[in-house]
N, C-alpha and C. Protein backbone atom coordinates (compact mmCIF):
# COMPACT_ATOMS: atom_id res chain seq x y z
N LEU A 1 118.17 153.21 117.26
CA LEU A 1 117.10 154.14 116.96
C LEU A 1 115.77 153.55 117.40
N LYS A 2 114.89 154.40 117.78
CA LYS A 2 113.59 153.94 118.26
C LYS A 2 112.53 154.04 117.16
N TYR A 3 112.93 153.78 115.94
CA TYR A 3 111.99 153.82 114.82
C TYR A 3 111.95 152.46 114.16
N ALA A 4 110.77 152.09 113.68
CA ALA A 4 110.63 150.80 113.03
C ALA A 4 109.37 150.81 112.17
N GLY A 5 109.01 149.63 111.69
CA GLY A 5 107.84 149.48 110.84
C GLY A 5 106.55 149.94 111.50
N ALA A 6 106.51 149.91 112.83
CA ALA A 6 105.30 150.37 113.53
C ALA A 6 105.07 151.86 113.28
N HIS A 7 106.13 152.63 113.10
CA HIS A 7 105.98 154.05 112.79
C HIS A 7 105.39 154.24 111.40
N VAL A 8 105.79 153.39 110.48
CA VAL A 8 105.22 153.42 109.12
C VAL A 8 103.73 153.13 109.20
N THR A 9 103.37 152.11 109.95
CA THR A 9 101.95 151.75 110.11
C THR A 9 101.18 152.90 110.72
N SER A 10 101.73 153.53 111.72
CA SER A 10 101.08 154.67 112.37
C SER A 10 100.86 155.81 111.38
N ASP A 11 101.83 156.06 110.51
CA ASP A 11 101.68 157.10 109.49
C ASP A 11 100.55 156.76 108.53
N LEU A 12 100.40 155.48 108.19
CA LEU A 12 99.31 155.06 107.31
C LEU A 12 97.96 155.25 108.00
N VAL A 13 97.90 155.00 109.29
CA VAL A 13 96.67 155.23 110.06
C VAL A 13 96.27 156.70 109.92
N GLN A 14 97.22 157.59 110.15
CA GLN A 14 96.94 159.03 110.09
C GLN A 14 96.64 159.49 108.66
N GLY A 15 97.44 159.05 107.72
CA GLY A 15 97.31 159.53 106.35
C GLY A 15 96.11 159.00 105.59
N LEU A 16 95.67 157.79 105.94
CA LEU A 16 94.57 157.17 105.20
C LEU A 16 93.28 157.07 106.00
N GLY A 17 93.33 157.38 107.28
CA GLY A 17 92.13 157.31 108.11
C GLY A 17 91.62 155.89 108.27
N VAL A 18 92.54 154.95 108.54
CA VAL A 18 92.17 153.55 108.73
C VAL A 18 92.63 153.11 110.11
N THR A 19 92.18 151.94 110.52
CA THR A 19 92.60 151.41 111.82
C THR A 19 94.03 150.89 111.75
N GLN A 20 94.60 150.65 112.91
CA GLN A 20 95.97 150.12 112.99
C GLN A 20 96.08 148.78 112.25
N SER A 21 95.15 147.87 112.50
CA SER A 21 95.23 146.55 111.84
C SER A 21 95.02 146.67 110.33
N ASP A 22 94.12 147.57 109.90
CA ASP A 22 93.93 147.77 108.46
C ASP A 22 95.17 148.40 107.82
N ALA A 23 95.80 149.32 108.53
CA ALA A 23 97.02 149.95 108.02
C ALA A 23 98.13 148.91 107.86
N GLU A 24 98.23 148.00 108.81
CA GLU A 24 99.25 146.94 108.73
C GLU A 24 98.99 146.05 107.51
N ARG A 25 97.72 145.70 107.29
CA ARG A 25 97.37 144.88 106.12
C ARG A 25 97.65 145.63 104.82
N LEU A 26 97.31 146.91 104.77
CA LEU A 26 97.58 147.71 103.56
C LEU A 26 99.08 147.78 103.29
N LYS A 27 99.85 147.96 104.35
CA LYS A 27 101.31 148.03 104.20
C LYS A 27 101.84 146.73 103.62
N GLU A 28 101.36 145.60 104.14
CA GLU A 28 101.84 144.30 103.69
C GLU A 28 101.37 143.96 102.27
N ARG A 29 100.14 144.30 101.94
CA ARG A 29 99.58 143.92 100.63
C ARG A 29 99.90 144.90 99.51
N HIS A 30 99.93 146.19 99.82
CA HIS A 30 100.05 147.21 98.77
C HIS A 30 101.23 148.16 98.98
N GLY A 31 101.97 147.97 100.05
CA GLY A 31 103.02 148.90 100.39
C GLY A 31 104.24 148.81 99.50
N ALA A 32 104.91 149.93 99.37
CA ALA A 32 106.20 150.03 98.68
C ALA A 32 106.94 151.18 99.33
N ALA A 33 108.23 150.99 99.53
CA ALA A 33 109.02 152.01 100.21
C ALA A 33 109.68 152.98 99.24
N TYR A 34 109.53 152.72 97.95
CA TYR A 34 110.20 153.55 96.95
C TYR A 34 109.15 153.93 95.91
N THR A 35 108.67 155.15 95.99
CA THR A 35 107.56 155.62 95.16
C THR A 35 107.75 155.38 93.66
N PRO A 36 108.96 155.55 93.09
CA PRO A 36 109.11 155.34 91.65
C PRO A 36 108.76 153.92 91.17
N LEU A 37 108.67 152.95 92.07
CA LEU A 37 108.32 151.59 91.67
C LEU A 37 106.83 151.38 91.48
N VAL A 38 106.02 152.36 91.85
CA VAL A 38 104.57 152.19 91.87
C VAL A 38 103.92 152.90 90.68
N ASP A 39 102.94 152.23 90.09
CA ASP A 39 102.16 152.82 89.00
C ASP A 39 101.26 153.91 89.58
N ALA A 40 101.42 155.12 89.09
CA ALA A 40 100.68 156.28 89.62
C ALA A 40 99.17 156.12 89.49
N GLY A 41 98.71 155.36 88.51
CA GLY A 41 97.28 155.23 88.30
C GLY A 41 96.63 154.07 89.03
N GLU A 42 97.41 153.26 89.71
CA GLU A 42 96.85 152.09 90.38
C GLU A 42 96.07 152.51 91.62
N MET A 43 94.81 152.08 91.68
CA MET A 43 93.96 152.41 92.82
C MET A 43 93.73 151.16 93.67
N ILE A 44 93.61 151.38 94.98
CA ILE A 44 93.32 150.27 95.89
C ILE A 44 92.11 150.63 96.74
N SER A 45 91.39 149.61 97.18
CA SER A 45 90.24 149.82 98.06
C SER A 45 90.72 149.98 99.49
N LEU A 46 90.17 150.98 100.15
CA LEU A 46 90.49 151.18 101.56
C LEU A 46 89.38 150.58 102.41
N PRO A 47 89.73 149.97 103.51
CA PRO A 47 88.70 149.49 104.42
C PRO A 47 87.87 150.67 104.92
N SER A 48 86.59 150.45 105.07
CA SER A 48 85.74 151.53 105.55
C SER A 48 84.81 151.01 106.63
N THR A 49 84.38 151.93 107.45
CA THR A 49 83.44 151.57 108.51
C THR A 49 82.02 151.73 107.98
N GLN A 50 81.09 151.20 108.70
CA GLN A 50 79.69 151.29 108.31
C GLN A 50 79.28 152.76 108.19
N GLY A 51 78.59 153.09 107.13
CA GLY A 51 78.14 154.45 106.91
C GLY A 51 79.16 155.31 106.19
N GLN A 52 80.38 154.82 106.04
CA GLN A 52 81.42 155.59 105.38
C GLN A 52 81.35 155.45 103.86
N GLY A 53 80.86 154.32 103.40
CA GLY A 53 80.83 154.08 101.96
C GLY A 53 82.18 153.59 101.46
N ALA A 54 82.18 153.18 100.21
CA ALA A 54 83.41 152.66 99.60
C ALA A 54 84.44 153.78 99.48
N ARG A 55 85.68 153.44 99.78
CA ARG A 55 86.76 154.41 99.67
C ARG A 55 87.92 153.80 98.90
N THR A 56 88.59 154.63 98.13
CA THR A 56 89.78 154.18 97.40
C THR A 56 90.89 155.20 97.61
N ALA A 57 92.09 154.76 97.33
CA ALA A 57 93.26 155.64 97.35
C ALA A 57 94.23 155.13 96.30
N SER A 58 95.08 155.99 95.83
CA SER A 58 96.08 155.52 94.88
C SER A 58 97.16 154.77 95.64
N ARG A 59 97.66 153.74 95.02
CA ARG A 59 98.77 153.00 95.63
C ARG A 59 99.98 153.92 95.76
N GLU A 60 100.06 154.90 94.88
CA GLU A 60 101.14 155.88 94.94
C GLU A 60 101.10 156.66 96.26
N LEU A 61 99.89 156.98 96.74
CA LEU A 61 99.77 157.69 98.02
C LEU A 61 100.28 156.82 99.16
N VAL A 62 99.90 155.55 99.15
CA VAL A 62 100.38 154.61 100.17
C VAL A 62 101.91 154.55 100.13
N ALA A 63 102.46 154.41 98.92
CA ALA A 63 103.92 154.35 98.76
C ALA A 63 104.58 155.65 99.21
N HIS A 64 103.95 156.77 98.92
CA HIS A 64 104.51 158.07 99.31
C HIS A 64 104.61 158.18 100.84
N ILE A 65 103.55 157.78 101.52
CA ILE A 65 103.54 157.83 102.99
C ILE A 65 104.67 156.95 103.54
N ILE A 66 104.78 155.73 103.01
CA ILE A 66 105.81 154.81 103.47
C ILE A 66 107.20 155.35 103.12
N HIS A 67 107.36 155.82 101.88
CA HIS A 67 108.64 156.34 101.40
C HIS A 67 109.14 157.46 102.32
N GLN A 68 108.26 158.38 102.67
CA GLN A 68 108.67 159.52 103.50
C GLN A 68 109.20 159.06 104.86
N ARG A 69 108.48 158.15 105.51
CA ARG A 69 108.90 157.69 106.84
C ARG A 69 110.19 156.87 106.76
N VAL A 70 110.26 155.96 105.79
CA VAL A 70 111.45 155.12 105.67
C VAL A 70 112.67 155.97 105.31
N ASP A 71 112.49 156.96 104.45
CA ASP A 71 113.59 157.85 104.11
C ASP A 71 114.07 158.58 105.37
N GLU A 72 113.14 159.04 106.19
CA GLU A 72 113.52 159.71 107.44
C GLU A 72 114.31 158.77 108.35
N ILE A 73 113.85 157.53 108.47
CA ILE A 73 114.55 156.55 109.30
C ILE A 73 115.95 156.30 108.75
N PHE A 74 116.06 156.13 107.43
CA PHE A 74 117.37 155.90 106.82
C PHE A 74 118.29 157.11 107.00
N GLN A 75 117.75 158.32 106.94
CA GLN A 75 118.57 159.51 107.17
C GLN A 75 119.12 159.51 108.60
N LEU A 76 118.28 159.12 109.56
CA LEU A 76 118.73 159.04 110.95
C LEU A 76 119.81 157.96 111.12
N VAL A 77 119.62 156.83 110.46
CA VAL A 77 120.63 155.77 110.50
C VAL A 77 121.92 156.27 109.87
N GLY A 78 121.81 157.00 108.76
CA GLY A 78 122.99 157.57 108.10
C GLY A 78 123.76 158.49 109.03
N ARG A 79 123.05 159.28 109.82
CA ARG A 79 123.71 160.16 110.79
C ARG A 79 124.45 159.35 111.85
N GLU A 80 123.84 158.23 112.25
CA GLU A 80 124.51 157.36 113.22
C GLU A 80 125.76 156.74 112.62
N PHE A 81 125.70 156.36 111.34
CA PHE A 81 126.89 155.85 110.64
C PHE A 81 127.99 156.92 110.67
N GLU A 82 127.61 158.16 110.35
CA GLU A 82 128.58 159.27 110.35
C GLU A 82 129.20 159.44 111.73
N ARG A 83 128.34 159.45 112.74
CA ARG A 83 128.81 159.64 114.12
C ARG A 83 129.78 158.53 114.54
N ALA A 84 129.55 157.32 114.02
CA ALA A 84 130.40 156.18 114.37
C ALA A 84 131.64 156.08 113.48
N GLY A 85 131.75 157.02 112.52
CA GLY A 85 132.92 157.01 111.65
C GLY A 85 132.78 156.16 110.40
N TYR A 86 131.55 155.77 110.05
CA TYR A 86 131.33 154.93 108.88
C TYR A 86 130.55 155.63 107.78
N GLY A 87 130.51 156.94 107.81
CA GLY A 87 129.78 157.68 106.78
C GLY A 87 130.56 157.79 105.49
N GLY A 88 129.97 158.41 104.51
CA GLY A 88 130.65 158.67 103.25
C GLY A 88 131.03 157.41 102.48
N GLY A 89 130.19 156.39 102.55
CA GLY A 89 130.45 155.17 101.79
C GLY A 89 131.53 154.28 102.39
N ARG A 90 131.85 154.47 103.67
CA ARG A 90 132.89 153.65 104.30
C ARG A 90 132.32 152.36 104.89
N LEU A 91 131.33 151.82 104.23
CA LEU A 91 130.78 150.52 104.59
C LEU A 91 130.91 149.62 103.36
N PRO A 92 132.12 149.18 103.04
CA PRO A 92 132.32 148.45 101.79
C PRO A 92 131.49 147.17 101.68
N ALA A 93 131.19 146.53 102.80
CA ALA A 93 130.36 145.33 102.75
C ALA A 93 128.89 145.68 102.63
N GLY A 94 128.55 146.94 102.86
CA GLY A 94 127.18 147.40 102.67
C GLY A 94 126.33 147.30 103.91
N VAL A 95 125.03 147.34 103.68
CA VAL A 95 124.02 147.36 104.73
C VAL A 95 123.09 146.18 104.54
N VAL A 96 122.71 145.54 105.64
CA VAL A 96 121.74 144.45 105.60
C VAL A 96 120.51 144.93 106.35
N LEU A 97 119.37 144.92 105.67
CA LEU A 97 118.10 145.32 106.28
C LEU A 97 117.46 144.10 106.93
N SER A 98 116.94 144.27 108.13
CA SER A 98 116.23 143.18 108.78
C SER A 98 114.99 143.75 109.45
N GLY A 99 114.13 142.87 109.87
CA GLY A 99 112.89 143.30 110.51
C GLY A 99 111.70 143.07 109.60
N GLY A 100 110.53 143.27 110.15
CA GLY A 100 109.31 142.97 109.43
C GLY A 100 109.07 143.80 108.19
N THR A 101 109.57 145.01 108.17
CA THR A 101 109.34 145.90 107.03
C THR A 101 110.42 145.76 105.96
N ALA A 102 111.47 145.01 106.24
CA ALA A 102 112.59 144.87 105.29
C ALA A 102 112.17 144.21 103.98
N HIS A 103 111.07 143.45 104.01
CA HIS A 103 110.63 142.75 102.80
C HIS A 103 109.79 143.62 101.86
N LEU A 104 109.43 144.82 102.28
CA LEU A 104 108.60 145.68 101.43
C LEU A 104 109.31 145.99 100.12
N PRO A 105 108.58 145.96 99.01
CA PRO A 105 109.20 146.36 97.75
C PRO A 105 109.76 147.77 97.86
N GLY A 106 110.95 147.96 97.35
CA GLY A 106 111.56 149.28 97.34
C GLY A 106 112.44 149.61 98.53
N MET A 107 112.44 148.78 99.57
CA MET A 107 113.29 149.06 100.73
C MET A 107 114.76 149.06 100.34
N VAL A 108 115.16 148.06 99.59
CA VAL A 108 116.56 147.95 99.19
C VAL A 108 116.94 149.11 98.27
N GLU A 109 116.06 149.44 97.32
CA GLU A 109 116.35 150.53 96.39
C GLU A 109 116.50 151.87 97.11
N LEU A 110 115.59 152.15 98.04
CA LEU A 110 115.67 153.40 98.78
C LEU A 110 116.92 153.44 99.66
N ALA A 111 117.23 152.33 100.30
CA ALA A 111 118.43 152.28 101.14
C ALA A 111 119.69 152.49 100.31
N ARG A 112 119.74 151.91 99.12
CA ARG A 112 120.90 152.12 98.24
C ARG A 112 121.04 153.59 97.87
N GLU A 113 119.91 154.23 97.61
CA GLU A 113 119.92 155.65 97.24
C GLU A 113 120.42 156.50 98.41
N VAL A 114 119.96 156.21 99.60
CA VAL A 114 120.31 157.01 100.77
C VAL A 114 121.75 156.75 101.23
N PHE A 115 122.14 155.49 101.32
CA PHE A 115 123.45 155.14 101.89
C PHE A 115 124.58 155.10 100.86
N ALA A 116 124.24 154.95 99.58
CA ALA A 116 125.25 154.87 98.51
C ALA A 116 126.26 153.75 98.74
N VAL A 117 125.77 152.62 99.23
CA VAL A 117 126.58 151.41 99.41
C VAL A 117 125.71 150.21 99.01
N PRO A 118 126.31 149.02 98.85
CA PRO A 118 125.49 147.84 98.56
C PRO A 118 124.50 147.58 99.71
N VAL A 119 123.30 147.15 99.36
CA VAL A 119 122.25 146.88 100.36
C VAL A 119 121.54 145.59 99.97
N ARG A 120 121.17 144.81 100.97
CA ARG A 120 120.34 143.62 100.73
C ARG A 120 119.43 143.42 101.94
N ALA A 121 118.35 142.68 101.72
CA ALA A 121 117.47 142.30 102.82
C ALA A 121 118.05 141.05 103.47
N GLY A 122 118.12 141.04 104.78
CA GLY A 122 118.66 139.89 105.50
C GLY A 122 117.63 138.80 105.62
N HIS A 123 118.11 137.58 105.57
CA HIS A 123 117.28 136.39 105.77
C HIS A 123 118.04 135.48 106.71
N PRO A 124 117.34 134.68 107.50
CA PRO A 124 118.06 133.71 108.32
C PRO A 124 118.98 132.86 107.45
N GLU A 125 120.10 132.50 108.02
CA GLU A 125 121.14 131.77 107.31
C GLU A 125 120.60 130.61 106.49
N LEU A 126 121.06 130.52 105.26
CA LEU A 126 120.66 129.41 104.39
C LEU A 126 121.26 128.11 104.91
N GLY A 127 120.60 127.02 104.61
CA GLY A 127 121.13 125.73 105.02
C GLY A 127 120.67 125.30 106.39
N ILE A 128 119.79 126.05 107.00
CA ILE A 128 119.26 125.66 108.30
C ILE A 128 118.04 124.80 108.03
N SER A 129 118.06 123.59 108.53
CA SER A 129 116.90 122.73 108.31
C SER A 129 115.98 122.80 109.52
N GLY A 130 114.72 122.53 109.29
CA GLY A 130 113.76 122.48 110.37
C GLY A 130 113.02 123.77 110.64
N LEU A 131 113.37 124.85 109.95
CA LEU A 131 112.65 126.11 110.16
C LEU A 131 111.45 126.16 109.22
N VAL A 132 110.32 126.54 109.74
CA VAL A 132 109.16 126.71 108.88
C VAL A 132 109.37 127.96 108.04
N ASP A 133 108.66 128.05 106.93
CA ASP A 133 108.85 129.15 105.99
C ASP A 133 108.72 130.52 106.63
N SER A 134 107.79 130.67 107.56
CA SER A 134 107.57 131.99 108.15
C SER A 134 108.80 132.49 108.91
N VAL A 135 109.63 131.61 109.42
CA VAL A 135 110.82 132.01 110.16
C VAL A 135 111.96 132.36 109.21
N GLN A 136 111.82 132.05 107.93
CA GLN A 136 112.84 132.38 106.95
C GLN A 136 112.74 133.84 106.49
N ALA A 137 111.74 134.56 106.95
CA ALA A 137 111.51 135.94 106.53
C ALA A 137 112.51 136.89 107.18
N PRO A 138 112.75 138.07 106.55
CA PRO A 138 113.68 139.05 107.11
C PRO A 138 113.35 139.47 108.54
N ARG A 139 112.08 139.43 108.92
CA ARG A 139 111.72 139.87 110.27
C ARG A 139 112.35 138.99 111.34
N TYR A 140 112.74 137.76 110.97
CA TYR A 140 113.34 136.84 111.94
C TYR A 140 114.86 136.70 111.76
N ALA A 141 115.45 137.48 110.87
CA ALA A 141 116.89 137.36 110.60
C ALA A 141 117.71 137.57 111.87
N VAL A 142 117.41 138.60 112.63
CA VAL A 142 118.19 138.89 113.83
C VAL A 142 117.94 137.86 114.93
N PRO A 143 116.68 137.55 115.29
CA PRO A 143 116.49 136.55 116.35
C PRO A 143 117.10 135.19 116.00
N VAL A 144 116.90 134.73 114.77
CA VAL A 144 117.47 133.44 114.38
C VAL A 144 118.99 133.51 114.40
N GLY A 145 119.54 134.62 113.93
CA GLY A 145 120.99 134.80 113.96
C GLY A 145 121.55 134.76 115.37
N LEU A 146 120.86 135.39 116.31
CA LEU A 146 121.31 135.38 117.70
C LEU A 146 121.26 133.98 118.30
N VAL A 147 120.20 133.24 117.97
CA VAL A 147 120.10 131.86 118.45
C VAL A 147 121.24 131.03 117.88
N LEU A 148 121.51 131.19 116.58
CA LEU A 148 122.61 130.44 115.96
C LEU A 148 123.96 130.81 116.57
N TYR A 149 124.15 132.09 116.82
CA TYR A 149 125.40 132.54 117.44
C TYR A 149 125.58 131.88 118.81
N ALA A 150 124.53 131.91 119.62
CA ALA A 150 124.60 131.31 120.95
C ALA A 150 124.84 129.80 120.85
N ALA A 151 124.18 129.15 119.90
CA ALA A 151 124.36 127.70 119.73
C ALA A 151 125.79 127.37 119.32
N ARG A 152 126.35 128.15 118.41
CA ARG A 152 127.74 127.90 117.98
C ARG A 152 128.72 128.12 119.12
N LYS A 153 128.51 129.20 119.88
CA LYS A 153 129.39 129.47 121.02
C LYS A 153 129.30 128.33 122.04
N SER A 154 128.09 127.87 122.27
CA SER A 154 127.89 126.79 123.22
C SER A 154 128.55 125.51 122.73
N ALA A 155 128.43 125.22 121.43
CA ALA A 155 129.05 124.03 120.85
C ALA A 155 130.57 124.09 120.92
N GLN A 156 131.12 125.30 120.90
CA GLN A 156 132.57 125.48 120.99
C GLN A 156 133.05 125.45 122.44
N GLY A 157 132.12 125.26 123.36
CA GLY A 157 132.48 125.18 124.76
C GLY A 157 132.49 126.50 125.49
N GLY A 158 132.08 127.55 124.82
CA GLY A 158 132.07 128.86 125.45
C GLY A 158 130.66 129.35 125.66
N ALA A 159 130.52 130.28 126.55
CA ALA A 159 129.22 130.91 126.77
C ALA A 159 129.04 131.98 125.71
N PRO A 160 127.82 132.28 125.33
CA PRO A 160 127.58 133.30 124.32
C PRO A 160 127.86 134.71 124.79
N GLY A 161 128.52 134.90 125.89
CA GLY A 161 128.88 136.24 126.34
C GLY A 161 127.82 136.92 127.17
N VAL A 162 126.91 136.15 127.74
CA VAL A 162 125.85 136.72 128.56
C VAL A 162 126.17 136.44 130.02
N MET A 163 126.17 137.47 130.82
CA MET A 163 126.36 137.30 132.26
C MET A 163 124.97 137.18 132.87
N PHE A 164 124.74 136.08 133.55
CA PHE A 164 123.42 135.85 134.13
C PHE A 164 123.61 135.17 135.47
N GLY A 165 123.06 135.77 136.52
CA GLY A 165 123.25 135.23 137.85
C GLY A 165 122.32 134.08 138.20
N GLY A 166 121.24 133.92 137.45
CA GLY A 166 120.28 132.87 137.75
C GLY A 166 120.55 131.61 136.95
N ARG A 167 119.55 130.77 136.88
CA ARG A 167 119.69 129.52 136.13
C ARG A 167 119.49 129.79 134.64
N PRO A 168 120.31 129.19 133.77
CA PRO A 168 120.17 129.40 132.33
C PRO A 168 118.79 129.03 131.80
N GLU A 169 118.15 128.04 132.45
CA GLU A 169 116.82 127.62 131.99
C GLU A 169 115.84 128.80 132.05
N LYS A 170 115.96 129.61 133.11
CA LYS A 170 115.06 130.76 133.25
C LYS A 170 115.34 131.81 132.18
N LEU A 171 116.61 132.00 131.86
CA LEU A 171 116.99 132.99 130.86
C LEU A 171 116.44 132.62 129.48
N PHE A 172 116.53 131.34 129.13
CA PHE A 172 116.17 130.92 127.78
C PHE A 172 114.76 130.36 127.66
N ALA A 173 114.00 130.28 128.76
CA ALA A 173 112.66 129.71 128.71
C ALA A 173 111.74 130.43 127.72
N PRO A 174 111.67 131.77 127.72
CA PRO A 174 110.79 132.43 126.75
C PRO A 174 111.22 132.16 125.31
N LEU A 175 112.51 132.14 125.06
CA LEU A 175 113.02 131.86 123.72
C LEU A 175 112.67 130.43 123.32
N LYS A 176 112.81 129.51 124.25
CA LYS A 176 112.48 128.11 123.97
C LYS A 176 111.01 127.97 123.60
N ARG A 177 110.12 128.63 124.36
CA ARG A 177 108.69 128.56 124.05
C ARG A 177 108.41 129.13 122.66
N TRP A 178 109.04 130.26 122.34
CA TRP A 178 108.85 130.89 121.03
C TRP A 178 109.29 129.95 119.92
N LEU A 179 110.46 129.33 120.09
CA LEU A 179 110.99 128.42 119.06
C LEU A 179 110.12 127.18 118.91
N GLN A 180 109.55 126.68 120.02
CA GLN A 180 108.71 125.49 119.94
C GLN A 180 107.47 125.73 119.10
N ASP A 181 107.02 126.95 119.00
CA ASP A 181 105.87 127.26 118.16
C ASP A 181 106.17 127.05 116.69
N PHE A 182 107.44 127.07 116.31
CA PHE A 182 107.81 126.98 114.91
C PHE A 182 108.39 125.63 114.51
N PHE A 183 108.69 124.75 115.46
CA PHE A 183 109.32 123.47 115.11
C PHE A 183 108.40 122.31 115.39
């Protein structure tokens, strides 16, 4: 699916009249994906431009905007599960959420409600030493998992299943640079 946390941020831009970067900060600091978890009376300050004056919004409004988009994304994912033959609770191991928005309060609760199966937020594998805290977040679960998969395959003497006609150094150079920033 071509939907992700960026769509949630875009909805906050439209719904609250804030910039993209302010919407991202609001999502991270005050966001919730499941409206029932939020106190209806809690107010938050909205960033404002010069001449706009102080602005506030209820945290419930922020949660409502996020809830609507995430619910839509989960409904689309549910349809894909159905199409693949895994609908109707036929995912006994459940669903693992990953990505930058997976850590938002209420993501797991909303996913459980929509999918009716066990749900958890994914984190890079426990027991990995040398990773800085920021890489332990759900947003890095998939990239770290792919690196671990490739490393294990390589250690077992096999290739990770990638066909590449050039030199392996070229293929993995961007990944190596990214990893060096964290180690």
